Amino acid sequence: MKISKIKVENYRLLKDFSIDLQEELSLVIGKNNTGKTSLLSVLDKFLNEKERFSYDDFNIEFKNEFEKSVNSSDEPEDFMPKGIKLQLFIE
């Protein structure tokens, strides 16, 4: 059994992120402030449960959308669950 793919939504710099993992070794390489640490952090928070999520963990666009909906007087027709999402695809 192995993790073949990771998908993350609305966590820090990872608005809609996905990565396919290779059989032997997968490297995460990138410039500063591109989400490398965010990927490790979201995995740690979901899997180890040592730290709790905070408002600062949400993606900036998600925060803006959330604040707009909270401050709006309009009631949504349908409530769509929102938040940080992690999907692990296991083979």
C-alpha atoms as a PDB file:
ATOM      1  CA  MET A   1       0.000   0.000   0.000  1.00  0.00           C
ATOM      2  CA  LYS A   2       1.333   3.435  -0.962  1.00  0.00           C
ATOM      3  CA  ILE A   3       0.177   7.022  -1.365  1.00  0.00           C
ATOM      4  CA  SER A   4       0.027   7.721  -5.100  1.00  0.00           C
ATOM      5  CA  LYS A   5      -1.433  11.241  -5.108  1.00  0.00           C
ATOM      6  CA  ILE A   6      -2.019  14.123  -2.686  1.00  0.00           C
ATOM      7  CA  LYS A   7      -4.616  16.878  -3.186  1.00  0.00           C
ATOM      8  CA  VAL A   8      -4.903  19.955  -0.944  1.00  0.00           C
ATOM      9  CA  GLU A   9      -7.437  22.798  -1.068  1.00  0.00           C
ATOM     10  CA  ASN A  10      -7.514  26.155   0.743  1.00  0.00           C
ATOM     11  CA  TYR A  11      -4.443  25.643   2.927  1.00  0.00           C
ATOM     12  CA  ARG A  12      -2.038  28.598   3.044  1.00  0.00           C
ATOM     13  CA  LEU A  13      -0.402  28.868  -0.409  1.00  0.00           C
ATOM     14  CA  LEU A  14      -2.118  25.702  -1.638  1.00  0.00           C
ATOM     15  CA  LYS A  15      -5.446  26.897  -3.051  1.00  0.00           C
ATOM     16  CA  ASP A  16      -6.022  23.931  -5.363  1.00  0.00           C
ATOM     17  CA  PHE A  17      -2.892  21.768  -5.281  1.00  0.00           C
ATOM     18  CA  SER A  18      -2.247  18.241  -6.428  1.00  0.00           C
ATOM     19  CA  ILE A  19       0.883  16.134  -6.768  1.00  0.00           C
ATOM     20  CA  ASP A  20       1.363  12.640  -8.187  1.00  0.00           C
ATOM     21  CA  LEU A  21       3.931  10.658  -6.239  1.00  0.00           C
ATOM     22  CA  GLN A  22       6.407   8.332  -7.909  1.00  0.00           C
ATOM     23  CA  GLU A  23       7.027   4.701  -7.017  1.00  0.00           C
ATOM     24  CA  GLU A  24      10.449   5.146  -5.426  1.00  0.00           C
ATOM     25  CA  LEU A  25      11.151   8.813  -4.706  1.00  0.00           C
ATOM     26  CA  SER A  26       9.355  12.121  -5.117  1.00  0.00           C
ATOM     27  CA  LEU A  27      11.040  15.485  -4.636  1.00  0.00           C
ATOM     28  CA  VAL A  28       9.333  18.790  -3.922  1.00  0.00           C
ATOM     29  CA  ILE A  29      11.509  21.560  -5.320  1.00  0.00           C
ATOM     30  CA  GLY A  30      10.628  25.207  -5.834  1.00  0.00           C
ATOM     31  CA  LYS A  31      11.408  28.836  -5.165  1.00  0.00           C
ATOM     32  CA  ASN A  32      10.763  30.456  -1.803  1.00  0.00           C
ATOM     33  CA  ASN A  33       7.134  31.085  -0.872  1.00  0.00           C
ATOM     34  CA  THR A  34       5.649  28.552  -3.323  1.00  0.00           C
ATOM     35  CA  GLY A  35       4.096  26.092  -0.853  1.00  0.00           C
ATOM     36  CA  LYS A  36       6.746  23.446  -0.146  1.00  0.00           C
ATOM     37  CA  THR A  37       6.511  23.898   3.615  1.00  0.00           C
ATOM     38  CA  SER A  38       2.734  24.250   3.398  1.00  0.00           C
ATOM     39  CA  LEU A  39       2.531  20.755   1.892  1.00  0.00           C
ATOM     40  CA  LEU A  40       4.494  19.219   4.749  1.00  0.00           C
ATOM     41  CA  SER A  41       2.612  21.276   7.324  1.00  0.00           C
ATOM     42  CA  VAL A  42      -0.870  20.248   6.147  1.00  0.00           C
ATOM     43  CA  LEU A  43       0.143  16.587   6.135  1.00  0.00           C
ATOM     44  CA  ASP A  44       1.518  16.937   9.667  1.00  0.00           C
ATOM     45  CA  LYS A  45      -1.606  18.698  10.955  1.00  0.00           C
ATOM     46  CA  PHE A  46      -4.021  16.187   9.468  1.00  0.00           C
ATOM     47  CA  LEU A  47      -2.072  13.032  10.212  1.00  0.00           C
ATOM     48  CA  ASN A  48      -0.396  13.751  13.555  1.00  0.00           C
ATOM     49  CA  GLU A  49      -3.057  15.954  15.160  1.00  0.00           C
ATOM     50  CA  LYS A  50      -0.453  17.686  17.344  1.00  0.00           C
ATOM     51  CA  GLU A  51      -1.396  21.185  16.182  1.00  0.00           C
ATOM     52  CA  ARG A  52      -4.814  22.641  15.555  1.00  0.00           C
ATOM     53  CA  PHE A  53      -5.755  24.576  12.471  1.00  0.00           C
ATOM     54  CA  SER A  54      -6.101  28.334  12.833  1.00  0.00           C
ATOM     55  CA  TYR A  55      -7.641  31.102  10.751  1.00  0.00           C
ATOM     56  CA  ASP A  56      -4.170  31.935   9.425  1.00  0.00           C
ATOM     57  CA  ASP A  57      -3.976  28.463   7.833  1.00  0.00           C
ATOM     58  CA  PHE A  58      -6.688  29.339   5.311  1.00  0.00           C
ATOM     59  CA  ASN A  59      -5.770  30.455   1.794  1.00  0.00           C
ATOM     60  CA  ILE A  60      -5.992  34.260   1.299  1.00  0.00           C
ATOM     61  CA  GLU A  61      -8.703  33.997  -1.359  1.00  0.00           C
ATOM     62  CA  PHE A  62     -10.701  31.682   0.897  1.00  0.00           C
ATOM     63  CA  LYS A  63     -10.388  34.164   3.798  1.00  0.00           C
ATOM     64  CA  ASN A  64     -11.691  36.974   1.594  1.00  0.00           C
ATOM     65  CA  GLU A  65     -14.611  34.849   0.378  1.00  0.00           C
ATOM     66  CA  PHE A  66     -15.402  33.743   3.935  1.00  0.00           C
ATOM     67  CA  GLU A  67     -15.361  37.304   5.315  1.00  0.00           C
ATOM     68  CA  LYS A  68     -17.560  38.475   2.457  1.00  0.00           C
ATOM     69  CA  SER A  69     -20.160  35.763   3.160  1.00  0.00           C
ATOM     70  CA  VAL A  70     -20.102  36.453   6.925  1.00  0.00           C
ATOM     71  CA  ASN A  71     -20.587  40.191   6.410  1.00  0.00           C
ATOM     72  CA  SER A  72     -23.297  39.726   3.776  1.00  0.00           C
ATOM     73  CA  SER A  73     -26.950  40.036   4.776  1.00  0.00           C
ATOM     74  CA  ASP A  74     -27.998  37.629   1.997  1.00  0.00           C
ATOM     75  CA  GLU A  75     -28.704  34.047   2.970  1.00  0.00           C
ATOM     76  CA  PRO A  76     -27.232  31.448   0.601  1.00  0.00           C
ATOM     77  CA  GLU A  77     -29.714  29.188  -1.168  1.00  0.00           C
ATOM     78  CA  ASP A  78     -27.544  26.122  -0.716  1.00  0.00           C
ATOM     79  CA  PHE A  79     -24.917  25.664   1.952  1.00  0.00           C
ATOM     80  CA  MET A  80     -21.741  24.218   0.514  1.00  0.00           C
ATOM     81  CA  PRO A  81     -19.235  22.890   3.050  1.00  0.00           C
ATOM     82  CA  LYS A  82     -16.033  24.906   2.927  1.00  0.00           C
ATOM     83  CA  GLY A  83     -12.678  24.636   4.573  1.00  0.00           C
ATOM     84  CA  ILE A  84      -9.292  23.022   4.299  1.00  0.00           C
ATOM     85  CA  LYS A  85      -9.375  19.746   2.417  1.00  0.00           C
ATOM     86  CA  LEU A  86      -6.773  16.983   2.153  1.00  0.00           C
ATOM     87  CA  GLN A  87      -7.193  13.922  -0.038  1.00  0.00           C
ATOM     88  CA  LEU A  88      -4.734  11.055  -0.031  1.00  0.00           C
ATOM     89  CA  PHE A  89      -5.030   8.539  -2.885  1.00  0.00           C
ATOM     90  CA  ILE A  90      -3.791   5.143  -1.732  1.00  0.00           C
ATOM     91  CA  GLU A  91      -3.034   2.168  -3.961  1.00  0.00           C
END
